[in-house]
Structure formats: structure tokens, C-alpha cells
Amino acid sequence: LLRASFDSVCNRFGIKLLDVCKSTC
């Protein structure tokens, strides 16, 4: 699903959150 953001920074917690999103849909 296309997503746009003005924030281009990714931090360590962001990586963890993305992993949670991917594993739980």
C-alpha cells in the first residue's frame, strides 16, 4: 500500500517496528 512521509529518517526502533509489522500483517 503506497505510503508517503516527509520524514526520511529510520532509527533502530523503526527497524524493530517494521519487523513487527511484517510479521503480524
PDBML (XML) file of the C-alpha atoms, coordinates in Angstrom:
<?xml version="1.0" encoding="UTF-8" ?>
<PDBx:datablock datablockName="MODEL"
   xmlns:PDBx="http://pdbml.pdb.org/schema/pdbx-v50.xsd"
   xmlns:xsi="http://www.w3.org/2001/XMLSchema-instance"
   xsi:schemaLocation="http://pdbml.pdb.org/schema/pdbx-v50.xsd pdbx-v50.xsd">
   <PDBx:atom_siteCategory>
      <PDBx:atom_site id="1">
         <PDBx:B_iso_or_equiv>0.00</PDBx:B_iso_or_equiv>
         <PDBx:Cartn_x>0.000</PDBx:Cartn_x>
         <PDBx:Cartn_y>0.000</PDBx:Cartn_y>
         <PDBx:Cartn_z>0.000</PDBx:Cartn_z>
         <PDBx:auth_asym_id>A</PDBx:auth_asym_id>
         <PDBx:auth_atom_id>CA</PDBx:auth_atom_id>
         <PDBx:auth_comp_id>LEU</PDBx:auth_comp_id>
         <PDBx:auth_seq_id>1</PDBx:auth_seq_id>
         <PDBx:group_PDB>ATOM</PDBx:group_PDB>
         <PDBx:label_alt_id xsi:nil="true" />
         <PDBx:label_asym_id>A</PDBx:label_asym_id>
         <PDBx:label_atom_id>CA</PDBx:label_atom_id>
         <PDBx:label_comp_id>LEU</PDBx:label_comp_id>
         <PDBx:label_entity_id>1</PDBx:label_entity_id>
         <PDBx:label_seq_id>1</PDBx:label_seq_id>
         <PDBx:occupancy>1.00</PDBx:occupancy>
         <PDBx:pdbx_PDB_model_num>1</PDBx:pdbx_PDB_model_num>
         <PDBx:type_symbol>C</PDBx:type_symbol>
      </PDBx:atom_site>
      <PDBx:atom_site id="2">
         <PDBx:B_iso_or_equiv>0.00</PDBx:B_iso_or_equiv>
         <PDBx:Cartn_x>1.668</PDBx:Cartn_x>
         <PDBx:Cartn_y>3.216</PDBx:Cartn_y>
         <PDBx:Cartn_z>-1.102</PDBx:Cartn_z>
         <PDBx:auth_asym_id>A</PDBx:auth_asym_id>
         <PDBx:auth_atom_id>CA</PDBx:auth_atom_id>
         <PDBx:auth_comp_id>LEU</PDBx:auth_comp_id>
         <PDBx:auth_seq_id>2</PDBx:auth_seq_id>
         <PDBx:group_PDB>ATOM</PDBx:group_PDB>
         <PDBx:label_alt_id xsi:nil="true" />
         <PDBx:label_asym_id>A</PDBx:label_asym_id>
         <PDBx:label_atom_id>CA</PDBx:label_atom_id>
         <PDBx:label_comp_id>LEU</PDBx:label_comp_id>
         <PDBx:label_entity_id>1</PDBx:label_entity_id>
         <PDBx:label_seq_id>2</PDBx:label_seq_id>
         <PDBx:occupancy>1.00</PDBx:occupancy>
         <PDBx:pdbx_PDB_model_num>1</PDBx:pdbx_PDB_model_num>
         <PDBx:type_symbol>C</PDBx:type_symbol>
      </PDBx:atom_site>
      <PDBx:atom_site id="3">
         <PDBx:B_iso_or_equiv>0.00</PDBx:B_iso_or_equiv>
         <PDBx:Cartn_x>2.844</PDBx:Cartn_x>
         <PDBx:Cartn_y>5.401</PDBx:Cartn_y>
         <PDBx:Cartn_z>1.763</PDBx:Cartn_z>
         <PDBx:auth_asym_id>A</PDBx:auth_asym_id>
         <PDBx:auth_atom_id>CA</PDBx:auth_atom_id>
         <PDBx:auth_comp_id>ARG</PDBx:auth_comp_id>
         <PDBx:auth_seq_id>3</PDBx:auth_seq_id>
         <PDBx:group_PDB>ATOM</PDBx:group_PDB>
         <PDBx:label_alt_id xsi:nil="true" />
         <PDBx:label_asym_id>A</PDBx:label_asym_id>
         <PDBx:label_atom_id>CA</PDBx:label_atom_id>
         <PDBx:label_comp_id>ARG</PDBx:label_comp_id>
         <PDBx:label_entity_id>1</PDBx:label_entity_id>
         <PDBx:label_seq_id>3</PDBx:label_seq_id>
         <PDBx:occupancy>1.00</PDBx:occupancy>
         <PDBx:pdbx_PDB_model_num>1</PDBx:pdbx_PDB_model_num>
         <PDBx:type_symbol>C</PDBx:type_symbol>
      </PDBx:atom_site>
      <PDBx:atom_site id="4">
         <PDBx:B_iso_or_equiv>0.00</PDBx:B_iso_or_equiv>
         <PDBx:Cartn_x>4.410</PDBx:Cartn_x>
         <PDBx:Cartn_y>8.848</PDBx:Cartn_y>
         <PDBx:Cartn_z>1.697</PDBx:Cartn_z>
         <PDBx:auth_asym_id>A</PDBx:auth_asym_id>
         <PDBx:auth_atom_id>CA</PDBx:auth_atom_id>
         <PDBx:auth_comp_id>ALA</PDBx:auth_comp_id>
         <PDBx:auth_seq_id>4</PDBx:auth_seq_id>
         <PDBx:group_PDB>ATOM</PDBx:group_PDB>
         <PDBx:label_alt_id xsi:nil="true" />
         <PDBx:label_asym_id>A</PDBx:label_asym_id>
         <PDBx:label_atom_id>CA</PDBx:label_atom_id>
         <PDBx:label_comp_id>ALA</PDBx:label_comp_id>
         <PDBx:label_entity_id>1</PDBx:label_entity_id>
         <PDBx:label_seq_id>4</PDBx:label_seq_id>
         <PDBx:occupancy>1.00</PDBx:occupancy>
         <PDBx:pdbx_PDB_model_num>1</PDBx:pdbx_PDB_model_num>
         <PDBx:type_symbol>C</PDBx:type_symbol>
      </PDBx:atom_site>
      <PDBx:atom_site id="5">
         <PDBx:B_iso_or_equiv>0.00</PDBx:B_iso_or_equiv>
         <PDBx:Cartn_x>6.245</PDBx:Cartn_x>
         <PDBx:Cartn_y>10.580</PDBx:Cartn_y>
         <PDBx:Cartn_z>4.515</PDBx:Cartn_z>
         <PDBx:auth_asym_id>A</PDBx:auth_asym_id>
         <PDBx:auth_atom_id>CA</PDBx:auth_atom_id>
         <PDBx:auth_comp_id>SER</PDBx:auth_comp_id>
         <PDBx:auth_seq_id>5</PDBx:auth_seq_id>
         <PDBx:group_PDB>ATOM</PDBx:group_PDB>
         <PDBx:label_alt_id xsi:nil="true" />
         <PDBx:label_asym_id>A</PDBx:label_asym_id>
         <PDBx:label_atom_id>CA</PDBx:label_atom_id>
         <PDBx:label_comp_id>SER</PDBx:label_comp_id>
         <PDBx:label_entity_id>1</PDBx:label_entity_id>
         <PDBx:label_seq_id>5</PDBx:label_seq_id>
         <PDBx:occupancy>1.00</PDBx:occupancy>
         <PDBx:pdbx_PDB_model_num>1</PDBx:pdbx_PDB_model_num>
         <PDBx:type_symbol>C</PDBx:type_symbol>
      </PDBx:atom_site>
      <PDBx:atom_site id="6">
         <PDBx:B_iso_or_equiv>0.00</PDBx:B_iso_or_equiv>
         <PDBx:Cartn_x>8.092</PDBx:Cartn_x>
         <PDBx:Cartn_y>13.820</PDBx:Cartn_y>
         <PDBx:Cartn_z>4.983</PDBx:Cartn_z>
         <PDBx:auth_asym_id>A</PDBx:auth_asym_id>
         <PDBx:auth_atom_id>CA</PDBx:auth_atom_id>
         <PDBx:auth_comp_id>PHE</PDBx:auth_comp_id>
         <PDBx:auth_seq_id>6</PDBx:auth_seq_id>
         <PDBx:group_PDB>ATOM</PDBx:group_PDB>
         <PDBx:label_alt_id xsi:nil="true" />
         <PDBx:label_asym_id>A</PDBx:label_asym_id>
         <PDBx:label_atom_id>CA</PDBx:label_atom_id>
         <PDBx:label_comp_id>PHE</PDBx:label_comp_id>
         <PDBx:label_entity_id>1</PDBx:label_entity_id>
         <PDBx:label_seq_id>6</PDBx:label_seq_id>
         <PDBx:occupancy>1.00</PDBx:occupancy>
         <PDBx:pdbx_PDB_model_num>1</PDBx:pdbx_PDB_model_num>
         <PDBx:type_symbol>C</PDBx:type_symbol>
      </PDBx:atom_site>
      <PDBx:atom_site id="7">
         <PDBx:B_iso_or_equiv>0.00</PDBx:B_iso_or_equiv>
         <PDBx:Cartn_x>10.354</PDBx:Cartn_x>
         <PDBx:Cartn_y>12.037</PDBx:Cartn_y>
         <PDBx:Cartn_z>7.478</PDBx:Cartn_z>
         <PDBx:auth_asym_id>A</PDBx:auth_asym_id>
         <PDBx:auth_atom_id>CA</PDBx:auth_atom_id>
         <PDBx:auth_comp_id>ASP</PDBx:auth_comp_id>
         <PDBx:auth_seq_id>7</PDBx:auth_seq_id>
         <PDBx:group_PDB>ATOM</PDBx:group_PDB>
         <PDBx:label_alt_id xsi:nil="true" />
         <PDBx:label_asym_id>A</PDBx:label_asym_id>
         <PDBx:label_atom_id>CA</PDBx:label_atom_id>
         <PDBx:label_comp_id>ASP</PDBx:label_comp_id>
         <PDBx:label_entity_id>1</PDBx:label_entity_id>
         <PDBx:label_seq_id>7</PDBx:label_seq_id>
         <PDBx:occupancy>1.00</PDBx:occupancy>
         <PDBx:pdbx_PDB_model_num>1</PDBx:pdbx_PDB_model_num>
         <PDBx:type_symbol>C</PDBx:type_symbol>
      </PDBx:atom_site>
      <PDBx:atom_site id="8">
         <PDBx:B_iso_or_equiv>0.00</PDBx:B_iso_or_equiv>
         <PDBx:Cartn_x>13.106</PDBx:Cartn_x>
         <PDBx:Cartn_y>10.138</PDBx:Cartn_y>
         <PDBx:Cartn_z>5.660</PDBx:Cartn_z>
         <PDBx:auth_asym_id>A</PDBx:auth_asym_id>
         <PDBx:auth_atom_id>CA</PDBx:auth_atom_id>
         <PDBx:auth_comp_id>SER</PDBx:auth_comp_id>
         <PDBx:auth_seq_id>8</PDBx:auth_seq_id>
         <PDBx:group_PDB>ATOM</PDBx:group_PDB>
         <PDBx:label_alt_id xsi:nil="true" />
         <PDBx:label_asym_id>A</PDBx:label_asym_id>
         <PDBx:label_atom_id>CA</PDBx:label_atom_id>
         <PDBx:label_comp_id>SER</PDBx:label_comp_id>
         <PDBx:label_entity_id>1</PDBx:label_entity_id>
         <PDBx:label_seq_id>8</PDBx:label_seq_id>
         <PDBx:occupancy>1.00</PDBx:occupancy>
         <PDBx:pdbx_PDB_model_num>1</PDBx:pdbx_PDB_model_num>
         <PDBx:type_symbol>C</PDBx:type_symbol>
      </PDBx:atom_site>
      <PDBx:atom_site id="9">
         <PDBx:B_iso_or_equiv>0.00</PDBx:B_iso_or_equiv>
         <PDBx:Cartn_x>14.993</PDBx:Cartn_x>
         <PDBx:Cartn_y>9.043</PDBx:Cartn_y>
         <PDBx:Cartn_z>8.800</PDBx:Cartn_z>
         <PDBx:auth_asym_id>A</PDBx:auth_asym_id>
         <PDBx:auth_atom_id>CA</PDBx:auth_atom_id>
         <PDBx:auth_comp_id>VAL</PDBx:auth_comp_id>
         <PDBx:auth_seq_id>9</PDBx:auth_seq_id>
         <PDBx:group_PDB>ATOM</PDBx:group_PDB>
         <PDBx:label_alt_id xsi:nil="true" />
         <PDBx:label_asym_id>A</PDBx:label_asym_id>
         <PDBx:label_atom_id>CA</PDBx:label_atom_id>
         <PDBx:label_comp_id>VAL</PDBx:label_comp_id>
         <PDBx:label_entity_id>1</PDBx:label_entity_id>
         <PDBx:label_seq_id>9</PDBx:label_seq_id>
         <PDBx:occupancy>1.00</PDBx:occupancy>
         <PDBx:pdbx_PDB_model_num>1</PDBx:pdbx_PDB_model_num>
         <PDBx:type_symbol>C</PDBx:type_symbol>
      </PDBx:atom_site>
      <PDBx:atom_site id="10">
         <PDBx:B_iso_or_equiv>0.00</PDBx:B_iso_or_equiv>
         <PDBx:Cartn_x>14.842</PDBx:Cartn_x>
         <PDBx:Cartn_y>5.486</PDBx:Cartn_y>
         <PDBx:Cartn_z>10.087</PDBx:Cartn_z>
         <PDBx:auth_asym_id>A</PDBx:auth_asym_id>
         <PDBx:auth_atom_id>CA</PDBx:auth_atom_id>
         <PDBx:auth_comp_id>CYS</PDBx:auth_comp_id>
         <PDBx:auth_seq_id>10</PDBx:auth_seq_id>
         <PDBx:group_PDB>ATOM</PDBx:group_PDB>
         <PDBx:label_alt_id xsi:nil="true" />
         <PDBx:label_asym_id>A</PDBx:label_asym_id>
         <PDBx:label_atom_id>CA</PDBx:label_atom_id>
         <PDBx:label_comp_id>CYS</PDBx:label_comp_id>
         <PDBx:label_entity_id>1</PDBx:label_entity_id>
         <PDBx:label_seq_id>10</PDBx:label_seq_id>
         <PDBx:occupancy>1.00</PDBx:occupancy>
         <PDBx:pdbx_PDB_model_num>1</PDBx:pdbx_PDB_model_num>
         <PDBx:type_symbol>C</PDBx:type_symbol>
      </PDBx:atom_site>
      <PDBx:atom_site id="11">
         <PDBx:B_iso_or_equiv>0.00</PDBx:B_iso_or_equiv>
         <PDBx:Cartn_x>16.116</PDBx:Cartn_x>
         <PDBx:Cartn_y>4.613</PDBx:Cartn_y>
         <PDBx:Cartn_z>13.576</PDBx:Cartn_z>
         <PDBx:auth_asym_id>A</PDBx:auth_asym_id>
         <PDBx:auth_atom_id>CA</PDBx:auth_atom_id>
         <PDBx:auth_comp_id>ASN</PDBx:auth_comp_id>
         <PDBx:auth_seq_id>11</PDBx:auth_seq_id>
         <PDBx:group_PDB>ATOM</PDBx:group_PDB>
         <PDBx:label_alt_id xsi:nil="true" />
         <PDBx:label_asym_id>A</PDBx:label_asym_id>
         <PDBx:label_atom_id>CA</PDBx:label_atom_id>
         <PDBx:label_comp_id>ASN</PDBx:label_comp_id>
         <PDBx:label_entity_id>1</PDBx:label_entity_id>
         <PDBx:label_seq_id>11</PDBx:label_seq_id>
         <PDBx:occupancy>1.00</PDBx:occupancy>
         <PDBx:pdbx_PDB_model_num>1</PDBx:pdbx_PDB_model_num>
         <PDBx:type_symbol>C</PDBx:type_symbol>
      </PDBx:atom_site>
      <PDBx:atom_site id="12">
         <PDBx:B_iso_or_equiv>0.00</PDBx:B_iso_or_equiv>
         <PDBx:Cartn_x>16.764</PDBx:Cartn_x>
         <PDBx:Cartn_y>1.323</PDBx:Cartn_y>
         <PDBx:Cartn_z>15.403</PDBx:Cartn_z>
         <PDBx:auth_asym_id>A</PDBx:auth_asym_id>
         <PDBx:auth_atom_id>CA</PDBx:auth_atom_id>
         <PDBx:auth_comp_id>ARG</PDBx:auth_comp_id>
         <PDBx:auth_seq_id>12</PDBx:auth_seq_id>
         <PDBx:group_PDB>ATOM</PDBx:group_PDB>
         <PDBx:label_alt_id xsi:nil="true" />
         <PDBx:label_asym_id>A</PDBx:label_asym_id>
         <PDBx:label_atom_id>CA</PDBx:label_atom_id>
         <PDBx:label_comp_id>ARG</PDBx:label_comp_id>
         <PDBx:label_entity_id>1</PDBx:label_entity_id>
         <PDBx:label_seq_id>12</PDBx:label_seq_id>
         <PDBx:occupancy>1.00</PDBx:occupancy>
         <PDBx:pdbx_PDB_model_num>1</PDBx:pdbx_PDB_model_num>
         <PDBx:type_symbol>C</PDBx:type_symbol>
      </PDBx:atom_site>
      <PDBx:atom_site id="13">
         <PDBx:B_iso_or_equiv>0.00</PDBx:B_iso_or_equiv>
         <PDBx:Cartn_x>13.273</PDBx:Cartn_x>
         <PDBx:Cartn_y>1.291</PDBx:Cartn_y>
         <PDBx:Cartn_z>16.918</PDBx:Cartn_z>
         <PDBx:auth_asym_id>A</PDBx:auth_asym_id>
         <PDBx:auth_atom_id>CA</PDBx:auth_atom_id>
         <PDBx:auth_comp_id>PHE</PDBx:auth_comp_id>
         <PDBx:auth_seq_id>13</PDBx:auth_seq_id>
         <PDBx:group_PDB>ATOM</PDBx:group_PDB>
         <PDBx:label_alt_id xsi:nil="true" />
         <PDBx:label_asym_id>A</PDBx:label_asym_id>
         <PDBx:label_atom_id>CA</PDBx:label_atom_id>
         <PDBx:label_comp_id>PHE</PDBx:label_comp_id>
         <PDBx:label_entity_id>1</PDBx:label_entity_id>
         <PDBx:label_seq_id>13</PDBx:label_seq_id>
         <PDBx:occupancy>1.00</PDBx:occupancy>
         <PDBx:pdbx_PDB_model_num>1</PDBx:pdbx_PDB_model_num>
         <PDBx:type_symbol>C</PDBx:type_symbol>
      </PDBx:atom_site>
      <PDBx:atom_site id="14">
         <PDBx:B_iso_or_equiv>0.00</PDBx:B_iso_or_equiv>
         <PDBx:Cartn_x>11.881</PDBx:Cartn_x>
         <PDBx:Cartn_y>1.943</PDBx:Cartn_y>
         <PDBx:Cartn_z>13.429</PDBx:Cartn_z>
         <PDBx:auth_asym_id>A</PDBx:auth_asym_id>
         <PDBx:auth_atom_id>CA</PDBx:auth_atom_id>
         <PDBx:auth_comp_id>GLY</PDBx:auth_comp_id>
         <PDBx:auth_seq_id>14</PDBx:auth_seq_id>
         <PDBx:group_PDB>ATOM</PDBx:group_PDB>
         <PDBx:label_alt_id xsi:nil="true" />
         <PDBx:label_asym_id>A</PDBx:label_asym_id>
         <PDBx:label_atom_id>CA</PDBx:label_atom_id>
         <PDBx:label_comp_id>GLY</PDBx:label_comp_id>
         <PDBx:label_entity_id>1</PDBx:label_entity_id>
         <PDBx:label_seq_id>14</PDBx:label_seq_id>
         <PDBx:occupancy>1.00</PDBx:occupancy>
         <PDBx:pdbx_PDB_model_num>1</PDBx:pdbx_PDB_model_num>
         <PDBx:type_symbol>C</PDBx:type_symbol>
      </PDBx:atom_site>
      <PDBx:atom_site id="15">
         <PDBx:B_iso_or_equiv>0.00</PDBx:B_iso_or_equiv>
         <PDBx:Cartn_x>13.559</PDBx:Cartn_x>
         <PDBx:Cartn_y>-1.228</PDBx:Cartn_y>
         <PDBx:Cartn_z>12.159</PDBx:Cartn_z>
         <PDBx:auth_asym_id>A</PDBx:auth_asym_id>
         <PDBx:auth_atom_id>CA</PDBx:auth_atom_id>
         <PDBx:auth_comp_id>ILE</PDBx:auth_comp_id>
         <PDBx:auth_seq_id>15</PDBx:auth_seq_id>
         <PDBx:group_PDB>ATOM</PDBx:group_PDB>
         <PDBx:label_alt_id xsi:nil="true" />
         <PDBx:label_asym_id>A</PDBx:label_asym_id>
         <PDBx:label_atom_id>CA</PDBx:label_atom_id>
         <PDBx:label_comp_id>ILE</PDBx:label_comp_id>
         <PDBx:label_entity_id>1</PDBx:label_entity_id>
         <PDBx:label_seq_id>15</PDBx:label_seq_id>
         <PDBx:occupancy>1.00</PDBx:occupancy>
         <PDBx:pdbx_PDB_model_num>1</PDBx:pdbx_PDB_model_num>
         <PDBx:type_symbol>C</PDBx:type_symbol>
      </PDBx:atom_site>
      <PDBx:atom_site id="16">
         <PDBx:B_iso_or_equiv>0.00</PDBx:B_iso_or_equiv>
         <PDBx:Cartn_x>12.037</PDBx:Cartn_x>
         <PDBx:Cartn_y>-3.175</PDBx:Cartn_y>
         <PDBx:Cartn_z>15.072</PDBx:Cartn_z>
         <PDBx:auth_asym_id>A</PDBx:auth_asym_id>
         <PDBx:auth_atom_id>CA</PDBx:auth_atom_id>
         <PDBx:auth_comp_id>LYS</PDBx:auth_comp_id>
         <PDBx:auth_seq_id>16</PDBx:auth_seq_id>
         <PDBx:group_PDB>ATOM</PDBx:group_PDB>
         <PDBx:label_alt_id xsi:nil="true" />
         <PDBx:label_asym_id>A</PDBx:label_asym_id>
         <PDBx:label_atom_id>CA</PDBx:label_atom_id>
         <PDBx:label_comp_id>LYS</PDBx:label_comp_id>
         <PDBx:label_entity_id>1</PDBx:label_entity_id>
         <PDBx:label_seq_id>16</PDBx:label_seq_id>
         <PDBx:occupancy>1.00</PDBx:occupancy>
         <PDBx:pdbx_PDB_model_num>1</PDBx:pdbx_PDB_model_num>
         <PDBx:type_symbol>C</PDBx:type_symbol>
      </PDBx:atom_site>
      <PDBx:atom_site id="17">
         <PDBx:B_iso_or_equiv>0.00</PDBx:B_iso_or_equiv>
         <PDBx:Cartn_x>8.599</PDBx:Cartn_x>
         <PDBx:Cartn_y>-1.714</PDBx:Cartn_y>
         <PDBx:Cartn_z>14.369</PDBx:Cartn_z>
         <PDBx:auth_asym_id>A</PDBx:auth_asym_id>
         <PDBx:auth_atom_id>CA</PDBx:auth_atom_id>
         <PDBx:auth_comp_id>LEU</PDBx:auth_comp_id>
         <PDBx:auth_seq_id>17</PDBx:auth_seq_id>
         <PDBx:group_PDB>ATOM</PDBx:group_PDB>
         <PDBx:label_alt_id xsi:nil="true" />
         <PDBx:label_asym_id>A</PDBx:label_asym_id>
         <PDBx:label_atom_id>CA</PDBx:label_atom_id>
         <PDBx:label_comp_id>LEU</PDBx:label_comp_id>
         <PDBx:label_entity_id>1</PDBx:label_entity_id>
         <PDBx:label_seq_id>17</PDBx:label_seq_id>
         <PDBx:occupancy>1.00</PDBx:occupancy>
         <PDBx:pdbx_PDB_model_num>1</PDBx:pdbx_PDB_model_num>
         <PDBx:type_symbol>C</PDBx:type_symbol>
      </PDBx:atom_site>
      <PDBx:atom_site id="18">
         <PDBx:B_iso_or_equiv>0.00</PDBx:B_iso_or_equiv>
         <PDBx:Cartn_x>8.842</PDBx:Cartn_x>
         <PDBx:Cartn_y>-2.619</PDBx:Cartn_y>
         <PDBx:Cartn_z>10.688</PDBx:Cartn_z>
         <PDBx:auth_asym_id>A</PDBx:auth_asym_id>
         <PDBx:auth_atom_id>CA</PDBx:auth_atom_id>
         <PDBx:auth_comp_id>LEU</PDBx:auth_comp_id>
         <PDBx:auth_seq_id>18</PDBx:auth_seq_id>
         <PDBx:group_PDB>ATOM</PDBx:group_PDB>
         <PDBx:label_alt_id xsi:nil="true" />
         <PDBx:label_asym_id>A</PDBx:label_asym_id>
         <PDBx:label_atom_id>CA</PDBx:label_atom_id>
         <PDBx:label_comp_id>LEU</PDBx:label_comp_id>
         <PDBx:label_entity_id>1</PDBx:label_entity_id>
         <PDBx:label_seq_id>18</PDBx:label_seq_id>
         <PDBx:occupancy>1.00</PDBx:occupancy>
         <PDBx:pdbx_PDB_model_num>1</PDBx:pdbx_PDB_model_num>
         <PDBx:type_symbol>C</PDBx:type_symbol>
      </PDBx:atom_site>
      <PDBx:atom_site id="19">
         <PDBx:B_iso_or_equiv>0.00</PDBx:B_iso_or_equiv>
         <PDBx:Cartn_x>9.740</PDBx:Cartn_x>
         <PDBx:Cartn_y>-6.184</PDBx:Cartn_y>
         <PDBx:Cartn_z>11.680</PDBx:Cartn_z>
         <PDBx:auth_asym_id>A</PDBx:auth_asym_id>
         <PDBx:auth_atom_id>CA</PDBx:auth_atom_id>
         <PDBx:auth_comp_id>ASP</PDBx:auth_comp_id>
         <PDBx:auth_seq_id>19</PDBx:auth_seq_id>
         <PDBx:group_PDB>ATOM</PDBx:group_PDB>
         <PDBx:label_alt_id xsi:nil="true" />
         <PDBx:label_asym_id>A</PDBx:label_asym_id>
         <PDBx:label_atom_id>CA</PDBx:label_atom_id>
         <PDBx:label_comp_id>ASP</PDBx:label_comp_id>
         <PDBx:label_entity_id>1</PDBx:label_entity_id>
         <PDBx:label_seq_id>19</PDBx:label_seq_id>
         <PDBx:occupancy>1.00</PDBx:occupancy>
         <PDBx:pdbx_PDB_model_num>1</PDBx:pdbx_PDB_model_num>
         <PDBx:type_symbol>C</PDBx:type_symbol>
      </PDBx:atom_site>
      <PDBx:atom_site id="20">
         <PDBx:B_iso_or_equiv>0.00</PDBx:B_iso_or_equiv>
         <PDBx:Cartn_x>6.627</PDBx:Cartn_x>
         <PDBx:Cartn_y>-6.337</PDBx:Cartn_y>
         <PDBx:Cartn_z>13.891</PDBx:Cartn_z>
         <PDBx:auth_asym_id>A</PDBx:auth_asym_id>
         <PDBx:auth_atom_id>CA</PDBx:auth_atom_id>
         <PDBx:auth_comp_id>VAL</PDBx:auth_comp_id>
         <PDBx:auth_seq_id>20</PDBx:auth_seq_id>
         <PDBx:group_PDB>ATOM</PDBx:group_PDB>
         <PDBx:label_alt_id xsi:nil="true" />
         <PDBx:label_asym_id>A</PDBx:label_asym_id>
         <PDBx:label_atom_id>CA</PDBx:label_atom_id>
         <PDBx:label_comp_id>VAL</PDBx:label_comp_id>
         <PDBx:label_entity_id>1</PDBx:label_entity_id>
         <PDBx:label_seq_id>20</PDBx:label_seq_id>
         <PDBx:occupancy>1.00</PDBx:occupancy>
         <PDBx:pdbx_PDB_model_num>1</PDBx:pdbx_PDB_model_num>
         <PDBx:type_symbol>C</PDBx:type_symbol>
      </PDBx:atom_site>
      <PDBx:atom_site id="21">
         <PDBx:B_iso_or_equiv>0.00</PDBx:B_iso_or_equiv>
         <PDBx:Cartn_x>4.504</PDBx:Cartn_x>
         <PDBx:Cartn_y>-5.005</PDBx:Cartn_y>
         <PDBx:Cartn_z>11.024</PDBx:Cartn_z>
         <PDBx:auth_asym_id>A</PDBx:auth_asym_id>
         <PDBx:auth_atom_id>CA</PDBx:auth_atom_id>
         <PDBx:auth_comp_id>CYS</PDBx:auth_comp_id>
         <PDBx:auth_seq_id>21</PDBx:auth_seq_id>
         <PDBx:group_PDB>ATOM</PDBx:group_PDB>
         <PDBx:label_alt_id xsi:nil="true" />
         <PDBx:label_asym_id>A</PDBx:label_asym_id>
         <PDBx:label_atom_id>CA</PDBx:label_atom_id>
         <PDBx:label_comp_id>CYS</PDBx:label_comp_id>
         <PDBx:label_entity_id>1</PDBx:label_entity_id>
         <PDBx:label_seq_id>21</PDBx:label_seq_id>
         <PDBx:occupancy>1.00</PDBx:occupancy>
         <PDBx:pdbx_PDB_model_num>1</PDBx:pdbx_PDB_model_num>
         <PDBx:type_symbol>C</PDBx:type_symbol>
      </PDBx:atom_site>
      <PDBx:atom_site id="22">
         <PDBx:B_iso_or_equiv>0.00</PDBx:B_iso_or_equiv>
         <PDBx:Cartn_x>5.866</PDBx:Cartn_x>
         <PDBx:Cartn_y>-7.568</PDBx:Cartn_y>
         <PDBx:Cartn_z>8.589</PDBx:Cartn_z>
         <PDBx:auth_asym_id>A</PDBx:auth_asym_id>
         <PDBx:auth_atom_id>CA</PDBx:auth_atom_id>
         <PDBx:auth_comp_id>LYS</PDBx:auth_comp_id>
         <PDBx:auth_seq_id>22</PDBx:auth_seq_id>
         <PDBx:group_PDB>ATOM</PDBx:group_PDB>
         <PDBx:label_alt_id xsi:nil="true" />
         <PDBx:label_asym_id>A</PDBx:label_asym_id>
         <PDBx:label_atom_id>CA</PDBx:label_atom_id>
         <PDBx:label_comp_id>LYS</PDBx:label_comp_id>
         <PDBx:label_entity_id>1</PDBx:label_entity_id>
         <PDBx:label_seq_id>22</PDBx:label_seq_id>
         <PDBx:occupancy>1.00</PDBx:occupancy>
         <PDBx:pdbx_PDB_model_num>1</PDBx:pdbx_PDB_model_num>
         <PDBx:type_symbol>C</PDBx:type_symbol>
      </PDBx:atom_site>
      <PDBx:atom_site id="23">
         <PDBx:B_iso_or_equiv>0.00</PDBx:B_iso_or_equiv>
         <PDBx:Cartn_x>5.402</PDBx:Cartn_x>
         <PDBx:Cartn_y>-10.498</PDBx:Cartn_y>
         <PDBx:Cartn_z>10.947</PDBx:Cartn_z>
         <PDBx:auth_asym_id>A</PDBx:auth_asym_id>
         <PDBx:auth_atom_id>CA</PDBx:auth_atom_id>
         <PDBx:auth_comp_id>SER</PDBx:auth_comp_id>
         <PDBx:auth_seq_id>23</PDBx:auth_seq_id>
         <PDBx:group_PDB>ATOM</PDBx:group_PDB>
         <PDBx:label_alt_id xsi:nil="true" />
         <PDBx:label_asym_id>A</PDBx:label_asym_id>
         <PDBx:label_atom_id>CA</PDBx:label_atom_id>
         <PDBx:label_comp_id>SER</PDBx:label_comp_id>
         <PDBx:label_entity_id>1</PDBx:label_entity_id>
         <PDBx:label_seq_id>23</PDBx:label_seq_id>
         <PDBx:occupancy>1.00</PDBx:occupancy>
         <PDBx:pdbx_PDB_model_num>1</PDBx:pdbx_PDB_model_num>
         <PDBx:type_symbol>C</PDBx:type_symbol>
      </PDBx:atom_site>
      <PDBx:atom_site id="24">
         <PDBx:B_iso_or_equiv>0.00</PDBx:B_iso_or_equiv>
         <PDBx:Cartn_x>1.855</PDBx:Cartn_x>
         <PDBx:Cartn_y>-9.584</PDBx:Cartn_y>
         <PDBx:Cartn_z>12.012</PDBx:Cartn_z>
         <PDBx:auth_asym_id>A</PDBx:auth_asym_id>
         <PDBx:auth_atom_id>CA</PDBx:auth_atom_id>
         <PDBx:auth_comp_id>THR</PDBx:auth_comp_id>
         <PDBx:auth_seq_id>24</PDBx:auth_seq_id>
         <PDBx:group_PDB>ATOM</PDBx:group_PDB>
         <PDBx:label_alt_id xsi:nil="true" />
         <PDBx:label_asym_id>A</PDBx:label_asym_id>
         <PDBx:label_atom_id>CA</PDBx:label_atom_id>
         <PDBx:label_comp_id>THR</PDBx:label_comp_id>
         <PDBx:label_entity_id>1</PDBx:label_entity_id>
         <PDBx:label_seq_id>24</PDBx:label_seq_id>
         <PDBx:occupancy>1.00</PDBx:occupancy>
         <PDBx:pdbx_PDB_model_num>1</PDBx:pdbx_PDB_model_num>
         <PDBx:type_symbol>C</PDBx:type_symbol>
      </PDBx:atom_site>
      <PDBx:atom_site id="25">
         <PDBx:B_iso_or_equiv>0.00</PDBx:B_iso_or_equiv>
         <PDBx:Cartn_x>0.426</PDBx:Cartn_x>
         <PDBx:Cartn_y>-8.033</PDBx:Cartn_y>
         <PDBx:Cartn_z>8.803</PDBx:Cartn_z>
         <PDBx:auth_asym_id>A</PDBx:auth_asym_id>
         <PDBx:auth_atom_id>CA</PDBx:auth_atom_id>
         <PDBx:auth_comp_id>CYS</PDBx:auth_comp_id>
         <PDBx:auth_seq_id>25</PDBx:auth_seq_id>
         <PDBx:group_PDB>ATOM</PDBx:group_PDB>
         <PDBx:label_alt_id xsi:nil="true" />
         <PDBx:label_asym_id>A</PDBx:label_asym_id>
         <PDBx:label_atom_id>CA</PDBx:label_atom_id>
         <PDBx:label_comp_id>CYS</PDBx:label_comp_id>
         <PDBx:label_entity_id>1</PDBx:label_entity_id>
         <PDBx:label_seq_id>25</PDBx:label_seq_id>
         <PDBx:occupancy>1.00</PDBx:occupancy>
         <PDBx:pdbx_PDB_model_num>1</PDBx:pdbx_PDB_model_num>
         <PDBx:type_symbol>C</PDBx:type_symbol>
      </PDBx:atom_site>
   </PDBx:atom_siteCategory>
</PDBx:datablock>
